[in-house]
Amino acid sequence: MTTSGTEQSQPAEMAFLAEVGAMVEITTDATESRTVMTAEGIRLVLFSFDTGQELSEHTAAMPVLLQVLEGNLTVSAGGRSVDLRPGGVVHLRARVPHAVIALAPSRLLLIMLDPRAG
């Protein structure tokens, strides 16, 4: 099953998104987001950030994974900051306050571990 630019939410044995990073553009002086898949136990949200854009401190009601597809972000949580680049992954427990700031134009895949999804 292939999708092209639309959210994948049908029940399936296997869901597939080709080129997920291309599903959201990096916009000058903006942060954009888009849910790109909802499947059993997960929701995938793709973010794009221009340099200097940020998500101020917030929490998620469920555990999450953050993976940079392109660019460079600083992720802060629990009094610690990490430099997140392609190839790195951050796991955050539910309800942990965290913030994200883009050090370069970036695309971030947020994987929400949501037992209600799908």
C-alpha atoms as a PDB file:
ATOM      1  CA  MET A   1       0.000   0.000   0.000  1.00  0.00           C
ATOM      2  CA  THR A   2       1.531   3.292  -1.073  1.00  0.00           C
ATOM      3  CA  THR A   3       0.346   6.763  -0.304  1.00  0.00           C
ATOM      4  CA  SER A   4       1.343   9.950  -2.025  1.00  0.00           C
ATOM      5  CA  GLY A   5       0.970  13.016   0.119  1.00  0.00           C
ATOM      6  CA  THR A   6      -2.069  11.910   2.107  1.00  0.00           C
ATOM      7  CA  GLU A   7      -2.416  10.576   5.624  1.00  0.00           C
ATOM      8  CA  GLN A   8      -2.325   6.803   5.871  1.00  0.00           C
ATOM      9  CA  SER A   9      -5.050   5.645   8.263  1.00  0.00           C
ATOM     10  CA  GLN A  10      -6.627   2.497   6.827  1.00  0.00           C
ATOM     11  CA  PRO A  11      -6.131  -0.747   8.757  1.00  0.00           C
ATOM     12  CA  ALA A  12      -3.457  -2.727   6.934  1.00  0.00           C
ATOM     13  CA  GLU A  13      -1.042  -5.560   7.430  1.00  0.00           C
ATOM     14  CA  MET A  14       1.676  -3.172   6.277  1.00  0.00           C
ATOM     15  CA  ALA A  15       1.520   0.592   5.848  1.00  0.00           C
ATOM     16  CA  PHE A  16       4.177   2.331   3.754  1.00  0.00           C
ATOM     17  CA  LEU A  17       5.134   5.950   3.183  1.00  0.00           C
ATOM     18  CA  ALA A  18       7.777   6.682   0.579  1.00  0.00           C
ATOM     19  CA  GLU A  19       9.840   9.841   1.075  1.00  0.00           C
ATOM     20  CA  VAL A  20       8.076  10.903   4.274  1.00  0.00           C
ATOM     21  CA  GLY A  21      10.314  13.983   4.595  1.00  0.00           C
ATOM     22  CA  ALA A  22       8.967  15.381   1.338  1.00  0.00           C
ATOM     23  CA  MET A  23       5.429  15.451   2.740  1.00  0.00           C
ATOM     24  CA  VAL A  24       5.954  18.865   4.383  1.00  0.00           C
ATOM     25  CA  GLU A  25       7.845  21.859   3.017  1.00  0.00           C
ATOM     26  CA  ILE A  26      10.232  24.022   5.022  1.00  0.00           C
ATOM     27  CA  THR A  27       8.644  27.481   5.015  1.00  0.00           C
ATOM     28  CA  THR A  28      10.584  30.693   5.646  1.00  0.00           C
ATOM     29  CA  ASP A  29      10.201  31.906   9.260  1.00  0.00           C
ATOM     30  CA  ALA A  30       7.666  29.194  10.104  1.00  0.00           C
ATOM     31  CA  THR A  31       7.045  25.838  11.732  1.00  0.00           C
ATOM     32  CA  GLU A  32       4.688  23.489   9.900  1.00  0.00           C
ATOM     33  CA  SER A  33       3.230  20.150  10.978  1.00  0.00           C
ATOM     34  CA  ARG A  34       1.147  17.426   9.416  1.00  0.00           C
ATOM     35  CA  THR A  35      -0.098  14.034  10.580  1.00  0.00           C
ATOM     36  CA  VAL A  36       1.139  11.620   7.930  1.00  0.00           C
ATOM     37  CA  MET A  37       0.086   8.250   9.375  1.00  0.00           C
ATOM     38  CA  THR A  38      -2.200   6.765  11.986  1.00  0.00           C
ATOM     39  CA  ALA A  39      -1.788   3.029  12.519  1.00  0.00           C
ATOM     40  CA  GLU A  40      -2.093   0.474  15.305  1.00  0.00           C
ATOM     41  CA  GLY A  41      -0.510   2.052  18.380  1.00  0.00           C
ATOM     42  CA  ILE A  42       1.159   5.021  16.645  1.00  0.00           C
ATOM     43  CA  ARG A  43       0.640   8.382  15.058  1.00  0.00           C
ATOM     44  CA  LEU A  44       3.329   9.942  12.880  1.00  0.00           C
ATOM     45  CA  VAL A  45       3.503  13.714  12.730  1.00  0.00           C
ATOM     46  CA  LEU A  46       5.973  15.406  10.412  1.00  0.00           C
ATOM     47  CA  PHE A  47       7.292  18.855  11.352  1.00  0.00           C
ATOM     48  CA  SER A  48       9.335  21.340   9.377  1.00  0.00           C
ATOM     49  CA  PHE A  49      11.213  24.221  10.994  1.00  0.00           C
ATOM     50  CA  ASP A  50      13.073  27.147   9.537  1.00  0.00           C
ATOM     51  CA  THR A  51      16.262  28.181  11.352  1.00  0.00           C
ATOM     52  CA  GLY A  52      15.432  29.716  14.749  1.00  0.00           C
ATOM     53  CA  GLN A  53      11.869  28.391  14.861  1.00  0.00           C
ATOM     54  CA  GLU A  54      10.895  26.510  17.982  1.00  0.00           C
ATOM     55  CA  LEU A  55       8.289  24.594  19.891  1.00  0.00           C
ATOM     56  CA  SER A  56       8.208  26.165  23.341  1.00  0.00           C
ATOM     57  CA  GLU A  57       8.125  23.892  26.363  1.00  0.00           C
ATOM     58  CA  HIS A  58       5.150  21.535  26.287  1.00  0.00           C
ATOM     59  CA  THR A  59       4.236  17.952  27.184  1.00  0.00           C
ATOM     60  CA  ALA A  60       2.781  14.976  25.343  1.00  0.00           C
ATOM     61  CA  ALA A  61       0.131  12.747  26.898  1.00  0.00           C
ATOM     62  CA  MET A  62       1.956   9.647  25.625  1.00  0.00           C
ATOM     63  CA  PRO A  63       5.559   8.510  25.106  1.00  0.00           C
ATOM     64  CA  VAL A  64       7.153   9.873  21.921  1.00  0.00           C
ATOM     65  CA  LEU A  65      10.178   9.334  19.704  1.00  0.00           C
ATOM     66  CA  LEU A  66      11.817  12.235  17.859  1.00  0.00           C
ATOM     67  CA  GLN A  67      13.906  11.597  14.761  1.00  0.00           C
ATOM     68  CA  VAL A  68      15.463  14.291  12.581  1.00  0.00           C
ATOM     69  CA  LEU A  69      15.167  13.499   8.877  1.00  0.00           C
ATOM     70  CA  GLU A  70      17.042  16.601   7.756  1.00  0.00           C
ATOM     71  CA  GLY A  71      18.757  19.487   9.539  1.00  0.00           C
ATOM     72  CA  ASN A  72      19.760  20.060  13.143  1.00  0.00           C
ATOM     73  CA  LEU A  73      17.613  20.588  16.250  1.00  0.00           C
ATOM     74  CA  THR A  74      18.236  21.093  19.946  1.00  0.00           C
ATOM     75  CA  VAL A  75      15.847  19.107  22.127  1.00  0.00           C
ATOM     76  CA  SER A  76      15.667  20.049  25.811  1.00  0.00           C
ATOM     77  CA  ALA A  77      14.024  18.021  28.589  1.00  0.00           C
ATOM     78  CA  GLY A  78      14.693  17.298  32.234  1.00  0.00           C
ATOM     79  CA  GLY A  79      17.434  19.918  32.532  1.00  0.00           C
ATOM     80  CA  ARG A  80      19.374  18.394  29.625  1.00  0.00           C
ATOM     81  CA  SER A  81      19.777  19.411  25.969  1.00  0.00           C
ATOM     82  CA  VAL A  82      20.851  17.226  23.063  1.00  0.00           C
ATOM     83  CA  ASP A  83      21.973  18.113  19.558  1.00  0.00           C
ATOM     84  CA  LEU A  84      19.691  16.009  17.356  1.00  0.00           C
ATOM     85  CA  ARG A  85      20.831  15.333  13.787  1.00  0.00           C
ATOM     86  CA  PRO A  86      19.863  12.723  11.168  1.00  0.00           C
ATOM     87  CA  GLY A  87      20.565   9.270  12.562  1.00  0.00           C
ATOM     88  CA  GLY A  88      19.827  10.237  16.182  1.00  0.00           C
ATOM     89  CA  VAL A  89      16.659   9.446  18.110  1.00  0.00           C
ATOM     90  CA  VAL A  90      15.233  10.905  21.331  1.00  0.00           C
ATOM     91  CA  HIS A  91      12.688   9.057  23.491  1.00  0.00           C
ATOM     92  CA  LEU A  92      10.534  11.050  25.909  1.00  0.00           C
ATOM     93  CA  ARG A  93       8.220   9.526  28.487  1.00  0.00           C
ATOM     94  CA  ALA A  94       4.641  10.740  28.724  1.00  0.00           C
ATOM     95  CA  ARG A  95       4.130  14.179  30.261  1.00  0.00           C
ATOM     96  CA  VAL A  96       7.828  15.151  30.307  1.00  0.00           C
ATOM     97  CA  PRO A  97       8.163  18.899  29.613  1.00  0.00           C
ATOM     98  CA  HIS A  98      10.334  19.434  26.547  1.00  0.00           C
ATOM     99  CA  ALA A  99      11.188  22.067  23.927  1.00  0.00           C
ATOM    100  CA  VAL A 100      12.649  22.017  20.411  1.00  0.00           C
ATOM    101  CA  ILE A 101      14.602  24.694  18.532  1.00  0.00           C
ATOM    102  CA  ALA A 102      15.901  24.531  14.962  1.00  0.00           C
ATOM    103  CA  LEU A 103      19.569  25.335  14.453  1.00  0.00           C
ATOM    104  CA  ALA A 104      19.138  24.884  10.673  1.00  0.00           C
ATOM    105  CA  PRO A 105      16.199  24.314   8.318  1.00  0.00           C
ATOM    106  CA  SER A 106      14.949  20.922   9.530  1.00  0.00           C
ATOM    107  CA  ARG A 107      12.401  18.160   9.178  1.00  0.00           C
ATOM    108  CA  LEU A 108      11.437  16.168  12.280  1.00  0.00           C
ATOM    109  CA  LEU A 109       9.437  12.959  12.474  1.00  0.00           C
ATOM    110  CA  LEU A 110       7.444  12.695  15.712  1.00  0.00           C
ATOM    111  CA  ILE A 111       6.346   9.164  16.513  1.00  0.00           C
ATOM    112  CA  MET A 112       3.569   9.178  19.093  1.00  0.00           C
ATOM    113  CA  LEU A 113       3.254   5.830  20.865  1.00  0.00           C
ATOM    114  CA  ASP A 114      -0.509   6.012  21.245  1.00  0.00           C
ATOM    115  CA  PRO A 115      -2.382   2.828  22.191  1.00  0.00           C
ATOM    116  CA  ARG A 116      -5.636   4.514  21.087  1.00  0.00           C
ATOM    117  CA  ALA A 117      -4.364   5.068  17.513  1.00  0.00           C
ATOM    118  CA  GLY A 118      -5.329   2.858  14.627  1.00  0.00           C
END
